[in-house]
Amino acid sequence: MKSRMNSPALTLPGAMDALLALGKSVQHGDVPRTTLELCNLRASQINGCSVCVDMHSRALQKLGESVERIFAIGGWHDAPYYSDAERAALALTEATTRINDRADPVPDAVWEAAKQHYSESALASLVLAIATINLWNRLNAATKQVGGAWTAQYV
């Protein structure tokens, strides 16, 4: 496998720094890092971004997550491994990632479920995290970036 070009984030001066700063900002919303990584992994699966699936699976392992929680994320609706708060975050992730799949992209029921578990700053963190991972997924998918062991340096 070969990418179409170097990552746009590494090609344009300042792009990587800006994206990393945006990604770091989501850590200020009191959302557990594990929850953010689960959301990153799920969005990346939906978008078919092998680089980010690899990277966020590794990040979850580094955080001490069980293989069951990592491997079952695609079936989180029916898997017993996730808390109600994580399920709300994952539902918000799926809705926000799949905004073109329905007339009401993020239904009120999904938002209200997330609101039951997260403060306004935590919701801001989740929404920014979801938007950021979708940005990374699109950069990588458009340029056919190739995942692999090198991603370990970024977790």
Protein backbone atom coordinates (compact mmCIF):
# COMPACT_ATOMS: atom_id res chain seq x y z
CA MET A 1 0.00 0.00 0.00
CA LYS A 2 1.17 3.48 -0.79
CA SER A 3 -0.29 6.85 0.12
CA ARG A 4 -1.21 9.34 -2.58
CA MET A 5 0.93 12.02 -0.97
CA ASN A 6 2.46 12.97 2.34
CA SER A 7 -0.07 13.90 4.97
CA PRO A 8 -1.46 17.39 4.35
CA ALA A 9 -0.97 18.03 8.07
CA LEU A 10 2.76 17.50 7.60
CA THR A 11 2.98 19.25 4.24
CA LEU A 12 1.68 22.71 5.09
CA PRO A 13 3.58 24.74 7.68
CA GLY A 14 1.65 25.08 10.93
CA ALA A 15 -1.09 22.61 10.02
CA MET A 16 0.09 19.81 12.31
CA ASP A 17 0.62 22.20 15.22
CA ALA A 18 -2.89 23.61 14.77
CA LEU A 19 -4.49 20.18 14.57
CA LEU A 20 -2.58 18.90 17.59
CA ALA A 21 -3.56 22.02 19.57
CA LEU A 22 -7.22 21.45 18.68
CA GLY A 23 -6.93 17.82 19.73
CA LYS A 24 -5.30 18.80 23.00
CA SER A 25 -8.02 21.34 23.80
CA VAL A 26 -10.63 18.60 24.19
CA GLN A 27 -8.82 17.34 27.25
CA HIS A 28 -10.10 20.36 29.20
CA GLY A 29 -13.73 19.23 29.22
CA ASP A 30 -13.58 16.62 31.99
CA VAL A 31 -14.37 13.72 29.67
CA PRO A 32 -12.36 10.63 30.60
CA ARG A 33 -9.53 9.99 28.16
CA THR A 34 -10.81 6.46 27.66
CA THR A 35 -14.19 7.78 26.54
CA LEU A 36 -12.54 10.16 24.07
CA GLU A 37 -10.42 7.34 22.67
CA LEU A 38 -13.44 5.03 22.35
CA CYS A 39 -15.21 7.78 20.39
CA ASN A 40 -12.11 8.32 18.24
CA LEU A 41 -11.93 4.62 17.48
CA ARG A 42 -15.63 4.32 16.64
CA ALA A 43 -15.67 7.33 14.31
CA SER A 44 -12.53 6.03 12.61
CA GLN A 45 -14.15 2.64 12.06
CA ILE A 46 -17.20 4.28 10.51
CA ASN A 47 -15.01 6.40 8.23
CA GLY A 48 -12.70 3.51 7.33
CA CYS A 49 -9.53 5.32 8.45
CA SER A 50 -6.97 2.58 9.05
CA VAL A 51 -4.39 5.01 10.43
CA CYS A 52 -6.75 6.25 13.13
CA VAL A 53 -8.20 2.81 13.89
CA ASP A 54 -4.65 1.61 14.47
CA MET A 55 -3.63 4.67 16.48
CA HIS A 56 -6.66 4.81 18.77
CA SER A 57 -6.67 1.04 19.36
CA ARG A 58 -3.07 1.40 20.50
CA ALA A 59 -3.97 4.40 22.68
CA LEU A 60 -6.72 2.37 24.38
CA GLN A 61 -4.30 -0.49 24.99
CA LYS A 62 -1.80 1.95 26.48
CA LEU A 63 -4.55 3.24 28.79
CA GLY A 64 -5.07 -0.33 30.01
CA GLU A 65 -8.31 -1.05 28.22
CA SER A 66 -9.30 -4.69 27.80
CA VAL A 67 -9.26 -6.32 24.39
CA GLU A 68 -12.99 -6.97 24.81
CA ARG A 69 -13.76 -3.25 25.04
CA ILE A 70 -11.48 -2.44 22.12
CA PHE A 71 -12.66 -5.23 19.83
CA ALA A 72 -16.37 -4.86 20.62
CA ILE A 73 -16.60 -1.12 19.95
CA GLY A 74 -18.21 -1.70 16.56
CA GLY A 75 -21.04 -3.54 18.34
CA TRP A 76 -21.26 -1.30 21.40
CA HIS A 77 -25.07 -1.20 21.19
CA ASP A 78 -25.26 -4.85 22.24
CA ALA A 79 -21.96 -5.37 24.06
CA PRO A 80 -22.01 -5.36 27.88
CA TYR A 81 -18.65 -3.61 28.28
CA TYR A 82 -19.65 0.07 28.23
CA SER A 83 -21.14 2.38 30.84
CA ASP A 84 -24.29 4.42 30.18
CA ALA A 85 -22.14 7.56 29.87
CA GLU A 86 -19.88 5.87 27.31
CA ARG A 87 -22.92 4.66 25.38
CA ALA A 88 -24.28 8.20 25.26
CA ALA A 89 -20.92 9.48 23.99
CA LEU A 90 -20.74 6.72 21.39
CA ALA A 91 -24.28 7.46 20.19
CA LEU A 92 -23.35 11.12 19.85
CA THR A 93 -20.19 10.09 17.98
CA GLU A 94 -22.12 7.95 15.52
CA ALA A 95 -24.79 10.58 14.92
CA THR A 96 -22.27 13.39 14.48
CA THR A 97 -20.08 11.27 12.21
CA ARG A 98 -23.01 10.16 10.05
CA ILE A 99 -24.65 13.56 9.65
CA ASN A 100 -25.82 12.82 6.13
CA ASP A 101 -27.56 9.54 7.01
CA ARG A 102 -30.80 11.08 8.29
CA ALA A 103 -32.91 14.22 8.08
CA ASP A 104 -32.20 15.09 11.73
CA PRO A 105 -28.46 14.40 11.93
CA VAL A 106 -28.16 14.53 15.73
CA PRO A 107 -31.62 13.73 17.10
CA ASP A 108 -32.76 15.40 20.31
CA ALA A 109 -32.92 11.99 22.01
CA VAL A 110 -29.21 11.41 21.33
CA TRP A 111 -28.30 14.89 22.56
CA GLU A 112 -30.46 14.60 25.69
CA ALA A 113 -28.94 11.23 26.55
CA ALA A 114 -25.47 12.75 26.34
CA LYS A 115 -26.61 15.78 28.34
CA GLN A 116 -27.69 13.48 31.19
CA HIS A 117 -24.09 12.35 31.64
CA TYR A 118 -21.97 15.32 30.62
CA SER A 119 -21.74 18.98 31.62
CA GLU A 120 -21.74 21.73 29.02
CA SER A 121 -17.93 21.86 28.95
CA ALA A 122 -17.79 18.07 28.65
CA LEU A 123 -20.29 18.19 25.79
CA ALA A 124 -18.16 20.87 24.13
CA SER A 125 -15.17 18.57 24.54
CA LEU A 126 -17.03 15.62 23.03
CA VAL A 127 -18.33 17.61 20.05
CA LEU A 128 -14.88 19.07 19.36
CA ALA A 129 -13.26 15.63 19.74
CA ILE A 130 -15.75 14.08 17.32
CA ALA A 131 -15.25 16.90 14.82
CA THR A 132 -11.47 16.62 15.13
CA ILE A 133 -11.33 12.86 14.59
CA ASN A 134 -13.61 13.24 11.59
CA LEU A 135 -11.20 15.85 10.20
CA TRP A 136 -8.24 13.50 10.67
CA ASN A 137 -10.20 10.63 9.10
CA ARG A 138 -10.98 12.73 6.05
CA LEU A 139 -7.40 13.91 5.63
CA ASN A 140 -6.15 10.33 5.84
CA ALA A 141 -8.85 8.83 3.63
CA ALA A 142 -8.49 11.45 0.89
CA THR A 143 -4.74 10.89 0.68
CA LYS A 144 -4.85 7.13 1.40
CA GLN A 145 -2.47 7.35 4.34
CA VAL A 146 -1.19 3.95 5.44
CA GLY A 147 -1.34 2.88 9.07
CA GLY A 148 1.21 0.74 10.79
CA ALA A 149 3.65 0.52 13.64
CA TRP A 150 4.75 4.16 13.15
CA THR A 151 1.44 5.30 14.68
CA ALA A 152 2.65 4.12 18.11
CA GLN A 153 4.79 7.28 18.36
CA TYR A 154 1.63 9.42 18.45
CA VAL A 155 -0.19 7.69 21.31
